[in-house]
Structures are given as C-alpha cells and as structure tokens.
Amino acid sequence: MPTEMLKEFIGTQCTISLFNDIGGVQGVILAVEENWIKVEEKKRIRIINGDMIRDIAIVK
C-alpha cells in the first residue's frame, strides 16, 4: 500500500476498514512509515499493517 498520500493526513480523525475486521478502526493518524500506520484510538494506540487495509475514510 502506498503511504505517501496518507502523510498529509497525520493528526486527522479517520476510520480504517480492515479485510479481517467488521467494525474497523476509528482514531487519529499519528504516523505513517513504510507499510505501517500508527492510529490512536480512545484508549489505545494501534499499529496497522498497510496490506490489511481495505479502505480509509478521513473525517473533514
């Protein structure tokens, strides 16, 4: 997954849909490095492999 495009959305609220997850991940994008995205949810921080992402919706 190309992550260069996501770097402009660091600090933005988003919803990430994963291939193996029904609910997805909702939180703020903290960092994007190589094929990994760091997202802060309400009570935890998740590191997500870009190969597992189906869709990312950015909140405006």
N, C-alpha and C. Protein backbone atom coordinates (compact mmCIF):
# COMPACT_ATOMS: atom_id res chain seq x y z
N MET A 1 0.84 -1.18 0.00
CA MET A 1 0.00 0.00 0.00
C MET A 1 0.88 1.24 0.00
N PRO A 2 0.68 2.16 -0.95
CA PRO A 2 1.46 3.40 -0.95
C PRO A 2 1.01 4.31 0.19
N THR A 3 1.94 4.72 1.04
CA THR A 3 1.58 5.52 2.21
C THR A 3 1.94 6.99 2.07
N GLU A 4 2.59 7.38 1.00
CA GLU A 4 2.96 8.78 0.80
C GLU A 4 1.74 9.69 0.86
N MET A 5 0.65 9.29 0.28
CA MET A 5 -0.57 10.08 0.25
C MET A 5 -1.13 10.29 1.66
N LEU A 6 -0.95 9.32 2.55
CA LEU A 6 -1.50 9.40 3.90
C LEU A 6 -0.75 10.37 4.80
N LYS A 7 0.49 10.70 4.48
CA LYS A 7 1.29 11.57 5.34
C LYS A 7 0.66 12.95 5.51
N GLU A 8 -0.09 13.43 4.52
CA GLU A 8 -0.74 14.74 4.65
C GLU A 8 -1.91 14.70 5.62
N PHE A 9 -2.37 13.51 6.02
CA PHE A 9 -3.49 13.37 6.94
C PHE A 9 -3.08 13.04 8.37
N ILE A 10 -1.79 13.13 8.69
CA ILE A 10 -1.34 12.91 10.06
C ILE A 10 -2.00 13.95 10.97
N GLY A 11 -2.56 13.48 12.07
CA GLY A 11 -3.28 14.35 13.00
C GLY A 11 -4.76 14.46 12.71
N THR A 12 -5.25 13.72 11.71
CA THR A 12 -6.63 13.80 11.28
C THR A 12 -7.42 12.58 11.77
N GLN A 13 -8.67 12.80 12.13
CA GLN A 13 -9.58 11.72 12.53
C GLN A 13 -9.92 10.88 11.30
N CYS A 14 -9.94 9.55 11.46
CA CYS A 14 -10.24 8.67 10.34
C CYS A 14 -10.91 7.39 10.81
N THR A 15 -11.46 6.66 9.85
CA THR A 15 -11.97 5.32 10.07
C THR A 15 -11.28 4.41 9.07
N ILE A 16 -10.63 3.37 9.55
CA ILE A 16 -9.89 2.44 8.70
C ILE A 16 -10.62 1.10 8.71
N SER A 17 -11.02 0.64 7.54
CA SER A 17 -11.67 -0.67 7.40
C SER A 17 -10.60 -1.69 7.03
N LEU A 18 -10.58 -2.79 7.78
CA LEU A 18 -9.60 -3.85 7.54
C LEU A 18 -10.28 -5.04 6.87
N PHE A 19 -9.50 -5.83 6.16
CA PHE A 19 -10.04 -7.01 5.48
C PHE A 19 -10.61 -8.03 6.45
N ASN A 20 -10.02 -8.17 7.63
CA ASN A 20 -10.43 -9.21 8.56
C ASN A 20 -11.23 -8.69 9.75
N ASP A 21 -11.74 -7.44 9.67
CA ASP A 21 -12.43 -6.83 10.80
C ASP A 21 -13.72 -6.18 10.32
N ILE A 22 -14.81 -6.41 11.02
CA ILE A 22 -16.09 -5.85 10.62
C ILE A 22 -16.22 -4.39 11.05
N GLY A 23 -15.83 -4.06 12.27
CA GLY A 23 -16.03 -2.72 12.81
C GLY A 23 -15.03 -1.69 12.34
N GLY A 24 -13.82 -2.08 12.07
CA GLY A 24 -12.79 -1.15 11.65
C GLY A 24 -12.14 -0.44 12.83
N VAL A 25 -11.27 0.50 12.51
CA VAL A 25 -10.50 1.25 13.50
C VAL A 25 -10.87 2.72 13.34
N GLN A 26 -11.28 3.36 14.45
CA GLN A 26 -11.59 4.78 14.42
C GLN A 26 -10.62 5.50 15.33
N GLY A 27 -9.95 6.53 14.81
CA GLY A 27 -8.99 7.26 15.62
C GLY A 27 -8.26 8.31 14.81
N VAL A 28 -7.17 8.79 15.38
CA VAL A 28 -6.36 9.83 14.76
C VAL A 28 -5.07 9.21 14.23
N ILE A 29 -4.72 9.53 13.01
CA ILE A 29 -3.47 9.04 12.41
C ILE A 29 -2.31 9.77 13.08
N LEU A 30 -1.40 9.02 13.68
CA LEU A 30 -0.25 9.60 14.36
C LEU A 30 1.00 9.59 13.50
N ALA A 31 1.19 8.50 12.73
CA ALA A 31 2.40 8.36 11.94
C ALA A 31 2.17 7.38 10.80
N VAL A 32 2.95 7.56 9.74
CA VAL A 32 2.92 6.67 8.59
C VAL A 32 4.37 6.40 8.20
N GLU A 33 4.77 5.12 8.29
CA GLU A 33 6.14 4.74 7.95
C GLU A 33 6.13 3.44 7.18
N GLU A 34 6.76 3.48 6.02
CA GLU A 34 6.83 2.34 5.12
C GLU A 34 5.44 1.76 4.92
N ASN A 35 5.17 0.56 5.39
CA ASN A 35 3.89 -0.10 5.17
C ASN A 35 3.04 -0.14 6.45
N TRP A 36 3.31 0.76 7.40
CA TRP A 36 2.64 0.73 8.70
C TRP A 36 2.00 2.08 9.01
N ILE A 37 0.83 2.04 9.65
CA ILE A 37 0.12 3.25 10.05
C ILE A 37 -0.13 3.17 11.55
N LYS A 38 0.23 4.23 12.27
CA LYS A 38 0.02 4.29 13.72
C LYS A 38 -1.22 5.14 13.97
N VAL A 39 -2.22 4.57 14.66
CA VAL A 39 -3.50 5.23 14.90
C VAL A 39 -3.79 5.22 16.40
N GLU A 40 -4.20 6.38 16.93
CA GLU A 40 -4.58 6.48 18.34
C GLU A 40 -6.10 6.39 18.45
N GLU A 41 -6.56 5.34 19.11
CA GLU A 41 -7.99 5.18 19.39
C GLU A 41 -8.26 5.82 20.76
N LYS A 42 -9.46 5.63 21.30
CA LYS A 42 -9.80 6.25 22.58
C LYS A 42 -8.87 5.84 23.71
N LYS A 43 -8.61 4.54 23.84
CA LYS A 43 -7.84 4.06 24.99
C LYS A 43 -6.58 3.28 24.61
N ARG A 44 -6.23 3.30 23.32
CA ARG A 44 -5.04 2.55 22.92
C ARG A 44 -4.48 3.09 21.61
N ILE A 45 -3.26 2.68 21.33
CA ILE A 45 -2.62 3.01 20.07
C ILE A 45 -2.45 1.72 19.29
N ARG A 46 -2.81 1.75 18.00
CA ARG A 46 -2.70 0.56 17.16
C ARG A 46 -1.71 0.83 16.04
N ILE A 47 -0.92 -0.17 15.72
CA ILE A 47 -0.01 -0.16 14.58
C ILE A 47 -0.62 -1.11 13.56
N ILE A 48 -0.97 -0.59 12.39
CA ILE A 48 -1.71 -1.37 11.40
C ILE A 48 -0.85 -1.61 10.17
N ASN A 49 -0.82 -2.85 9.73
CA ASN A 49 -0.10 -3.22 8.51
C ASN A 49 -0.92 -2.73 7.31
N GLY A 50 -0.29 -1.99 6.42
CA GLY A 50 -0.97 -1.44 5.25
C GLY A 50 -1.57 -2.48 4.33
N ASP A 51 -1.03 -3.70 4.33
CA ASP A 51 -1.57 -4.77 3.49
C ASP A 51 -2.94 -5.26 3.97
N MET A 52 -3.30 -4.96 5.21
CA MET A 52 -4.56 -5.41 5.77
C MET A 52 -5.68 -4.38 5.60
N ILE A 53 -5.36 -3.20 5.05
CA ILE A 53 -6.34 -2.12 4.94
C ILE A 53 -7.14 -2.25 3.66
N ARG A 54 -8.46 -2.18 3.80
CA ARG A 54 -9.37 -2.20 2.68
C ARG A 54 -9.76 -0.79 2.25
N ASP A 55 -9.97 0.10 3.25
CA ASP A 55 -10.48 1.44 2.96
C ASP A 55 -10.13 2.38 4.10
N ILE A 56 -9.87 3.65 3.79
CA ILE A 56 -9.65 4.66 4.83
C ILE A 56 -10.59 5.83 4.53
N ALA A 57 -11.40 6.20 5.51
CA ALA A 57 -12.29 7.35 5.39
C ALA A 57 -11.77 8.44 6.31
N ILE A 58 -11.50 9.61 5.76
CA ILE A 58 -10.98 10.75 6.51
C ILE A 58 -12.14 11.66 6.86
N VAL A 59 -12.22 12.08 8.14
CA VAL A 59 -13.26 13.00 8.58
C VAL A 59 -12.79 14.42 8.27
N LYS A 60 -13.64 15.18 7.58
CA LYS A 60 -13.29 16.58 7.25
C LYS A 60 -13.70 17.52 8.35
